Amino acid sequence: MKKLLIAVLALALSMCVLAVAEEAAVMTYADYAVAAADDEVTIEAYVQAHQSWWDGKVTIYAADPDGAYFLYEVPMSEEDAAKLVPGAKFRATGFKSEWSGEVEIIDVSSFEFLEADPYIAEPVDVTALLGTDALAEKMNQKVAFKGMTVEAYDESGAAFAYKNPEEKTDDLYFKVSKDGQTYEFIVEFYLCGQDTEVYKAVEALNVGDVVDLEGFLYWYEGPNPHITSVTKAA
């Protein structure tokens, strides 16, 4: 009996140690930021937005008070995808990766919703960081660009361009400038489709308009923000 009691206590202790180890494995944003590409990472964060669920997967924009994350094609049922409301907290395990400059989490093997008060990150004004290396430090965060001037997208003189001009069921591109430098931004169709206010706002742009913009600082061979709001500057 004594040996059995010792064995039970040892098992209970090992389970406690395992639980503590699992809890300790959750990274702070600082831990995540210094992790190497291909490292396995576990984060706890809050949903900020997500792209359309398709074929059992969904891509998530997430944040915590210290930084932001881009989780690519997380395996998930359509029912669970419906729970990805802004502010919802979750824990996820996957692998840190980099693709064309974008730092993301791929091959997510574990995803769990957590009980917590909702958290929505406020957009960070990064206008002054445009054209600097410091802009990359804000990657994947909700950001704002103030007082941007709409430029002609191409030689046609149009203020924007459709990725799929025939059916208009894909991304929407436009260019804006600040202090003599021009930047290309995008309305990601699977995040903000043709029926959203931001998609329609870009379709209504004219060259020379001055606008304030918000979106997620995605990266593709340089800053390629996924814009979620366009308003005429006051």
C-alpha atoms as a PDB file:
ATOM      1  CA  MET A   1       0.000   0.000   0.000  1.00  0.00           C
ATOM      2  CA  LYS A   2       2.839   2.371   0.899  1.00  0.00           C
ATOM      3  CA  LYS A   3       4.535   1.729  -2.433  1.00  0.00           C
ATOM      4  CA  LEU A   4       1.240   2.312  -4.236  1.00  0.00           C
ATOM      5  CA  LEU A   5       0.739   5.621  -2.410  1.00  0.00           C
ATOM      6  CA  ILE A   6       4.256   6.732  -3.335  1.00  0.00           C
ATOM      7  CA  ALA A   7       3.626   5.808  -6.955  1.00  0.00           C
ATOM      8  CA  VAL A   8       0.363   7.763  -7.015  1.00  0.00           C
ATOM      9  CA  LEU A   9       2.029  10.806  -5.447  1.00  0.00           C
ATOM     10  CA  ALA A  10       4.896  10.603  -7.930  1.00  0.00           C
ATOM     11  CA  LEU A  11       2.453  10.435 -10.823  1.00  0.00           C
ATOM     12  CA  ALA A  12       0.505  13.424  -9.473  1.00  0.00           C
ATOM     13  CA  LEU A  13       3.730  15.386  -9.068  1.00  0.00           C
ATOM     14  CA  SER A  14       4.834  14.549 -12.601  1.00  0.00           C
ATOM     15  CA  MET A  15       1.475  15.713 -13.929  1.00  0.00           C
ATOM     16  CA  CYS A  16       1.854  19.007 -12.061  1.00  0.00           C
ATOM     17  CA  VAL A  17       5.346  19.489 -13.456  1.00  0.00           C
ATOM     18  CA  LEU A  18       4.056  18.734 -16.945  1.00  0.00           C
ATOM     19  CA  ALA A  19       1.237  21.269 -16.554  1.00  0.00           C
ATOM     20  CA  VAL A  20       3.670  23.933 -15.368  1.00  0.00           C
ATOM     21  CA  ALA A  21       6.019  23.134 -18.271  1.00  0.00           C
ATOM     22  CA  GLU A  22       3.162  23.393 -20.755  1.00  0.00           C
ATOM     23  CA  GLU A  23       2.110  26.733 -19.271  1.00  0.00           C
ATOM     24  CA  ALA A  24       5.693  27.996 -19.376  1.00  0.00           C
ATOM     25  CA  ALA A  25       5.884  27.094 -23.059  1.00  0.00           C
ATOM     26  CA  VAL A  26       3.523  29.957 -23.923  1.00  0.00           C
ATOM     27  CA  MET A  27       5.692  32.732 -25.306  1.00  0.00           C
ATOM     28  CA  THR A  28       5.547  36.427 -24.627  1.00  0.00           C
ATOM     29  CA  TYR A  29       5.677  38.569 -27.741  1.00  0.00           C
ATOM     30  CA  ALA A  30       9.327  39.348 -26.912  1.00  0.00           C
ATOM     31  CA  ASP A  31      10.083  35.607 -26.865  1.00  0.00           C
ATOM     32  CA  TYR A  32       8.289  35.150 -30.163  1.00  0.00           C
ATOM     33  CA  ALA A  33      10.097  38.085 -31.785  1.00  0.00           C
ATOM     34  CA  VAL A  34      13.544  36.598 -31.122  1.00  0.00           C
ATOM     35  CA  ALA A  35      12.592  33.018 -32.043  1.00  0.00           C
ATOM     36  CA  ALA A  36      14.262  31.764 -35.201  1.00  0.00           C
ATOM     37  CA  ALA A  37      12.483  30.832 -38.394  1.00  0.00           C
ATOM     38  CA  ASP A  38      11.259  27.217 -38.259  1.00  0.00           C
ATOM     39  CA  ASP A  39      11.120  27.237 -34.457  1.00  0.00           C
ATOM     40  CA  GLU A  40       7.981  25.794 -32.900  1.00  0.00           C
ATOM     41  CA  VAL A  41       6.108  28.564 -31.110  1.00  0.00           C
ATOM     42  CA  THR A  42       3.135  28.719 -28.762  1.00  0.00           C
ATOM     43  CA  ILE A  43       1.349  32.032 -28.328  1.00  0.00           C
ATOM     44  CA  GLU A  44      -1.703  33.436 -26.602  1.00  0.00           C
ATOM     45  CA  ALA A  45      -3.261  36.330 -28.462  1.00  0.00           C
ATOM     46  CA  TYR A  46      -6.518  37.988 -29.446  1.00  0.00           C
ATOM     47  CA  VAL A  47      -8.301  37.847 -32.777  1.00  0.00           C
ATOM     48  CA  GLN A  48      -8.323  41.185 -34.582  1.00  0.00           C
ATOM     49  CA  ALA A  49      -9.733  40.006 -37.915  1.00  0.00           C
ATOM     50  CA  HIS A  50      -9.663  36.976 -40.173  1.00  0.00           C
ATOM     51  CA  GLN A  51      -9.900  36.126 -43.831  1.00  0.00           C
ATOM     52  CA  SER A  52     -12.682  33.985 -45.259  1.00  0.00           C
ATOM     53  CA  TRP A  53     -12.872  30.386 -44.071  1.00  0.00           C
ATOM     54  CA  TRP A  54     -12.250  27.995 -46.944  1.00  0.00           C
ATOM     55  CA  ASP A  55     -11.485  24.284 -47.317  1.00  0.00           C
ATOM     56  CA  GLY A  56     -11.137  23.746 -43.575  1.00  0.00           C
ATOM     57  CA  LYS A  57      -8.668  26.600 -43.040  1.00  0.00           C
ATOM     58  CA  VAL A  58      -8.721  30.248 -42.006  1.00  0.00           C
ATOM     59  CA  THR A  59      -6.017  32.955 -41.888  1.00  0.00           C
ATOM     60  CA  ILE A  60      -6.022  35.117 -38.753  1.00  0.00           C
ATOM     61  CA  TYR A  61      -4.744  38.582 -37.859  1.00  0.00           C
ATOM     62  CA  ALA A  62      -4.045  38.608 -34.120  1.00  0.00           C
ATOM     63  CA  ALA A  63      -2.459  40.801 -31.478  1.00  0.00           C
ATOM     64  CA  ASP A  64      -1.645  41.168 -27.809  1.00  0.00           C
ATOM     65  CA  PRO A  65      -0.714  44.398 -25.993  1.00  0.00           C
ATOM     66  CA  ASP A  66       2.937  43.993 -27.047  1.00  0.00           C
ATOM     67  CA  GLY A  67       2.795  43.021 -30.723  1.00  0.00           C
ATOM     68  CA  ALA A  68       0.938  41.249 -33.489  1.00  0.00           C
ATOM     69  CA  TYR A  69       0.825  37.931 -35.320  1.00  0.00           C
ATOM     70  CA  PHE A  70      -0.277  36.568 -38.687  1.00  0.00           C
ATOM     71  CA  LEU A  71      -1.440  32.951 -38.556  1.00  0.00           C
ATOM     72  CA  TYR A  72      -1.617  31.434 -42.021  1.00  0.00           C
ATOM     73  CA  GLU A  73      -4.241  28.839 -42.929  1.00  0.00           C
ATOM     74  CA  VAL A  74      -5.096  27.540 -39.469  1.00  0.00           C
ATOM     75  CA  PRO A  75      -6.966  24.199 -39.724  1.00  0.00           C
ATOM     76  CA  MET A  76     -10.423  24.780 -38.291  1.00  0.00           C
ATOM     77  CA  SER A  77     -14.050  23.809 -38.738  1.00  0.00           C
ATOM     78  CA  GLU A  78     -16.449  26.357 -40.144  1.00  0.00           C
ATOM     79  CA  GLU A  79     -18.273  26.309 -36.820  1.00  0.00           C
ATOM     80  CA  ASP A  80     -15.116  27.248 -34.912  1.00  0.00           C
ATOM     81  CA  ALA A  81     -14.239  29.865 -37.512  1.00  0.00           C
ATOM     82  CA  ALA A  82     -17.510  31.586 -36.650  1.00  0.00           C
ATOM     83  CA  LYS A  83     -16.107  32.095 -33.119  1.00  0.00           C
ATOM     84  CA  LEU A  84     -13.223  34.220 -34.430  1.00  0.00           C
ATOM     85  CA  VAL A  85     -14.853  37.454 -33.407  1.00  0.00           C
ATOM     86  CA  PRO A  86     -12.620  40.479 -32.829  1.00  0.00           C
ATOM     87  CA  GLY A  87     -11.276  40.401 -29.295  1.00  0.00           C
ATOM     88  CA  ALA A  88     -11.579  36.639 -28.751  1.00  0.00           C
ATOM     89  CA  LYS A  89      -8.557  35.113 -27.001  1.00  0.00           C
ATOM     90  CA  PHE A  90      -6.873  31.905 -28.120  1.00  0.00           C
ATOM     91  CA  ARG A  91      -3.785  29.760 -27.686  1.00  0.00           C
ATOM     92  CA  ALA A  92      -2.053  28.343 -30.756  1.00  0.00           C
ATOM     93  CA  THR A  93       1.012  26.225 -31.491  1.00  0.00           C
ATOM     94  CA  GLY A  94       2.716  26.246 -34.871  1.00  0.00           C
ATOM     95  CA  PHE A  95       5.989  27.141 -36.524  1.00  0.00           C
ATOM     96  CA  LYS A  96       7.422  30.588 -37.034  1.00  0.00           C
ATOM     97  CA  SER A  97       8.151  31.213 -40.694  1.00  0.00           C
ATOM     98  CA  GLU A  98       9.149  33.965 -43.090  1.00  0.00           C
ATOM     99  CA  TRP A  99       7.874  34.297 -46.650  1.00  0.00           C
ATOM    100  CA  SER A 100       8.947  37.197 -48.882  1.00  0.00           C
ATOM    101  CA  GLY A 101       9.639  39.210 -45.758  1.00  0.00           C
ATOM    102  CA  GLU A 102       6.370  38.423 -43.960  1.00  0.00           C
ATOM    103  CA  VAL A 103       6.857  36.846 -40.525  1.00  0.00           C
ATOM    104  CA  GLU A 104       3.999  34.447 -39.847  1.00  0.00           C
ATOM    105  CA  ILE A 105       2.935  31.303 -38.032  1.00  0.00           C
ATOM    106  CA  ILE A 106       2.278  28.276 -40.238  1.00  0.00           C
ATOM    107  CA  ASP A 107       1.469  24.582 -39.791  1.00  0.00           C
ATOM    108  CA  VAL A 108      -0.661  25.261 -36.725  1.00  0.00           C
ATOM    109  CA  SER A 109      -1.127  21.964 -34.874  1.00  0.00           C
ATOM    110  CA  SER A 110      -3.098  23.178 -31.874  1.00  0.00           C
ATOM    111  CA  PHE A 111      -5.685  25.947 -31.540  1.00  0.00           C
ATOM    112  CA  GLU A 112      -7.829  26.565 -28.460  1.00  0.00           C
ATOM    113  CA  PHE A 113     -10.201  29.384 -27.555  1.00  0.00           C
ATOM    114  CA  LEU A 114      -9.652  30.826 -24.060  1.00  0.00           C
ATOM    115  CA  GLU A 115     -11.966  32.614 -21.651  1.00  0.00           C
ATOM    116  CA  ALA A 116     -10.877  36.243 -21.257  1.00  0.00           C
ATOM    117  CA  ASP A 117     -12.052  39.802 -21.560  1.00  0.00           C
ATOM    118  CA  PRO A 118     -11.829  40.895 -25.207  1.00  0.00           C
ATOM    119  CA  TYR A 119      -8.859  42.921 -26.415  1.00  0.00           C
ATOM    120  CA  ILE A 120      -8.868  45.106 -29.535  1.00  0.00           C
ATOM    121  CA  ALA A 121      -5.621  46.866 -30.445  1.00  0.00           C
ATOM    122  CA  GLU A 122      -5.781  50.534 -31.336  1.00  0.00           C
ATOM    123  CA  PRO A 123      -4.208  51.443 -34.700  1.00  0.00           C
ATOM    124  CA  VAL A 124      -0.651  52.741 -34.390  1.00  0.00           C
ATOM    125  CA  ASP A 125       0.139  55.800 -36.522  1.00  0.00           C
ATOM    126  CA  VAL A 126       3.192  54.769 -38.554  1.00  0.00           C
ATOM    127  CA  THR A 127       3.101  57.555 -41.133  1.00  0.00           C
ATOM    128  CA  ALA A 128       6.451  58.917 -39.967  1.00  0.00           C
ATOM    129  CA  LEU A 129       8.023  55.448 -40.305  1.00  0.00           C
ATOM    130  CA  LEU A 130       7.255  55.065 -44.016  1.00  0.00           C
ATOM    131  CA  GLY A 131      10.460  54.477 -45.948  1.00  0.00           C
ATOM    132  CA  THR A 132      12.435  53.528 -42.830  1.00  0.00           C
ATOM    133  CA  ASP A 133      13.682  50.201 -41.507  1.00  0.00           C
ATOM    134  CA  ALA A 134      11.785  50.854 -38.272  1.00  0.00           C
ATOM    135  CA  LEU A 135       8.480  50.235 -40.053  1.00  0.00           C
ATOM    136  CA  ALA A 136       9.155  46.482 -40.097  1.00  0.00           C
ATOM    137  CA  GLU A 137       9.082  46.483 -36.277  1.00  0.00           C
ATOM    138  CA  LYS A 138       5.335  47.150 -36.543  1.00  0.00           C
ATOM    139  CA  MET A 139       4.732  44.173 -38.851  1.00  0.00           C
ATOM    140  CA  ASN A 140       1.232  42.653 -38.622  1.00  0.00           C
ATOM    141  CA  GLN A 141      -0.019  45.353 -36.252  1.00  0.00           C
ATOM    142  CA  LYS A 142      -3.126  47.408 -36.930  1.00  0.00           C
ATOM    143  CA  VAL A 143      -1.638  50.650 -38.236  1.00  0.00           C
ATOM    144  CA  ALA A 144      -2.715  54.032 -39.558  1.00  0.00           C
ATOM    145  CA  PHE A 145      -1.347  56.237 -42.314  1.00  0.00           C
ATOM    146  CA  LYS A 146      -2.373  59.899 -42.213  1.00  0.00           C
ATOM    147  CA  GLY A 147      -2.585  62.470 -44.985  1.00  0.00           C
ATOM    148  CA  MET A 148      -1.701  60.187 -47.897  1.00  0.00           C
ATOM    149  CA  THR A 149      -2.191  61.478 -51.446  1.00  0.00           C
ATOM    150  CA  VAL A 150      -3.746  59.148 -54.015  1.00  0.00           C
ATOM    151  CA  GLU A 151      -1.577  58.682 -57.111  1.00  0.00           C
ATOM    152  CA  ALA A 152      -2.334  57.211 -60.529  1.00  0.00           C
ATOM    153  CA  TYR A 153      -1.907  53.466 -60.242  1.00  0.00           C
ATOM    154  CA  ASP A 154      -0.560  52.965 -63.772  1.00  0.00           C
ATOM    155  CA  GLU A 155      -0.235  54.630 -67.175  1.00  0.00           C
ATOM    156  CA  SER A 156      -4.000  54.549 -67.613  1.00  0.00           C
ATOM    157  CA  GLY A 157      -4.286  57.288 -65.010  1.00  0.00           C
ATOM    158  CA  ALA A 158      -6.781  55.305 -62.891  1.00  0.00           C
ATOM    159  CA  ALA A 159      -6.606  55.671 -59.122  1.00  0.00           C
ATOM    160  CA  PHE A 160      -6.771  51.897 -58.507  1.00  0.00           C
ATOM    161  CA  ALA A 161      -6.585  48.547 -60.277  1.00  0.00           C
ATOM    162  CA  TYR A 162      -8.381  45.225 -59.950  1.00  0.00           C
ATOM    163  CA  LYS A 163      -6.359  42.041 -59.742  1.00  0.00           C
ATOM    164  CA  ASN A 164      -9.277  40.410 -61.574  1.00  0.00           C
ATOM    165  CA  PRO A 165     -10.699  43.219 -63.755  1.00  0.00           C
ATOM    166  CA  GLU A 166     -13.184  40.957 -65.530  1.00  0.00           C
ATOM    167  CA  GLU A 167     -15.103  39.596 -62.542  1.00  0.00           C
ATOM    168  CA  LYS A 168     -13.834  41.990 -59.842  1.00  0.00           C
ATOM    169  CA  THR A 169     -13.619  39.150 -57.345  1.00  0.00           C
ATOM    170  CA  ASP A 170     -10.067  39.530 -56.141  1.00  0.00           C
ATOM    171  CA  ASP A 171      -7.660  42.006 -54.536  1.00  0.00           C
ATOM    172  CA  LEU A 172      -7.796  45.739 -55.197  1.00  0.00           C
ATOM    173  CA  TYR A 173      -4.584  47.767 -55.553  1.00  0.00           C
ATOM    174  CA  PHE A 174      -3.907  51.484 -55.217  1.00  0.00           C
ATOM    175  CA  LYS A 175      -0.976  53.839 -54.721  1.00  0.00           C
ATOM    176  CA  VAL A 176      -0.540  56.695 -52.308  1.00  0.00           C
ATOM    177  CA  SER A 177       2.324  59.063 -51.638  1.00  0.00           C
ATOM    178  CA  LYS A 178       3.826  60.967 -48.741  1.00  0.00           C
ATOM    179  CA  ASP A 179       6.750  63.403 -48.799  1.00  0.00           C
ATOM    180  CA  GLY A 180       7.584  62.552 -52.406  1.00  0.00           C
ATOM    181  CA  GLN A 181       7.621  58.766 -51.950  1.00  0.00           C
ATOM    182  CA  THR A 182       4.949  56.478 -53.417  1.00  0.00           C
ATOM    183  CA  TYR A 183       3.703  53.259 -51.848  1.00  0.00           C
ATOM    184  CA  GLU A 184       1.423  50.472 -53.083  1.00  0.00           C
ATOM    185  CA  PHE A 185      -1.350  49.302 -50.750  1.00  0.00           C
ATOM    186  CA  ILE A 186      -3.934  46.563 -51.131  1.00  0.00           C
ATOM    187  CA  VAL A 187      -7.476  45.679 -50.159  1.00  0.00           C
ATOM    188  CA  GLU A 188      -7.177  41.934 -49.524  1.00  0.00           C
ATOM    189  CA  PHE A 189     -10.329  40.441 -51.045  1.00  0.00           C
ATOM    190  CA  TYR A 190     -10.607  37.554 -48.585  1.00  0.00           C
ATOM    191  CA  LEU A 191     -10.441  40.031 -45.709  1.00  0.00           C
ATOM    192  CA  CYS A 192     -12.534  42.867 -47.190  1.00  0.00           C
ATOM    193  CA  GLY A 193     -14.570  41.787 -50.204  1.00  0.00           C
ATOM    194  CA  GLN A 194     -16.375  43.792 -52.844  1.00  0.00           C
ATOM    195  CA  ASP A 195     -19.374  44.507 -50.609  1.00  0.00           C
ATOM    196  CA  THR A 196     -17.360  46.118 -47.800  1.00  0.00           C
ATOM    197  CA  GLU A 197     -17.121  49.848 -47.200  1.00  0.00           C
ATOM    198  CA  VAL A 198     -13.356  49.928 -47.723  1.00  0.00           C
ATOM    199  CA  TYR A 199     -13.541  48.139 -51.090  1.00  0.00           C
ATOM    200  CA  LYS A 200     -16.180  50.591 -52.298  1.00  0.00           C
ATOM    201  CA  ALA A 201     -14.200  53.533 -50.903  1.00  0.00           C
ATOM    202  CA  VAL A 202     -11.132  52.581 -52.948  1.00  0.00           C
ATOM    203  CA  GLU A 203     -13.307  52.182 -56.053  1.00  0.00           C
ATOM    204  CA  ALA A 204     -14.455  55.776 -55.459  1.00  0.00           C
ATOM    205  CA  LEU A 205     -10.950  57.258 -55.135  1.00  0.00           C
ATOM    206  CA  ASN A 206      -9.709  59.959 -57.468  1.00  0.00           C
ATOM    207  CA  VAL A 207      -6.100  60.854 -58.165  1.00  0.00           C
ATOM    208  CA  GLY A 208      -5.163  63.732 -55.885  1.00  0.00           C
ATOM    209  CA  ASP A 209      -7.489  62.771 -53.025  1.00  0.00           C
ATOM    210  CA  VAL A 210      -5.904  63.049 -49.580  1.00  0.00           C
ATOM    211  CA  VAL A 211      -6.885  60.135 -47.367  1.00  0.00           C
ATOM    212  CA  ASP A 212      -6.332  58.591 -43.958  1.00  0.00           C
ATOM    213  CA  LEU A 213      -5.908  54.828 -44.003  1.00  0.00           C
ATOM    214  CA  GLU A 214      -6.006  51.953 -41.520  1.00  0.00           C
ATOM    215  CA  GLY A 215      -5.083  48.322 -41.974  1.00  0.00           C
ATOM    216  CA  PHE A 216      -2.846  45.436 -40.983  1.00  0.00           C
ATOM    217  CA  LEU A 217       0.854  45.838 -41.790  1.00  0.00           C
ATOM    218  CA  TYR A 218       1.357  42.764 -43.915  1.00  0.00           C
ATOM    219  CA  TRP A 219       4.700  42.435 -45.694  1.00  0.00           C
ATOM    220  CA  TYR A 220       5.480  41.224 -49.206  1.00  0.00           C
ATOM    221  CA  GLU A 221       8.883  42.222 -50.551  1.00  0.00           C
ATOM    222  CA  GLY A 222       8.376  45.331 -48.427  1.00  0.00           C
ATOM    223  CA  PRO A 223       5.355  46.893 -46.719  1.00  0.00           C
ATOM    224  CA  ASN A 224       2.108  45.706 -48.325  1.00  0.00           C
ATOM    225  CA  PRO A 225      -0.605  46.798 -45.872  1.00  0.00           C
ATOM    226  CA  HIS A 226      -3.981  45.073 -46.004  1.00  0.00           C
ATOM    227  CA  ILE A 227      -6.187  48.161 -45.811  1.00  0.00           C
ATOM    228  CA  THR A 228      -9.448  47.997 -43.864  1.00  0.00           C
ATOM    229  CA  SER A 229     -10.495  51.661 -43.751  1.00  0.00           C
ATOM    230  CA  VAL A 230     -10.217  54.635 -46.128  1.00  0.00           C
ATOM    231  CA  THR A 231     -11.504  58.078 -45.202  1.00  0.00           C
ATOM    232  CA  LYS A 232     -11.044  61.481 -46.815  1.00  0.00           C
ATOM    233  CA  ALA A 233      -8.652  63.516 -44.701  1.00  0.00           C
ATOM    234  CA  ALA A 234     -10.196  66.485 -42.892  1.00  0.00           C
END
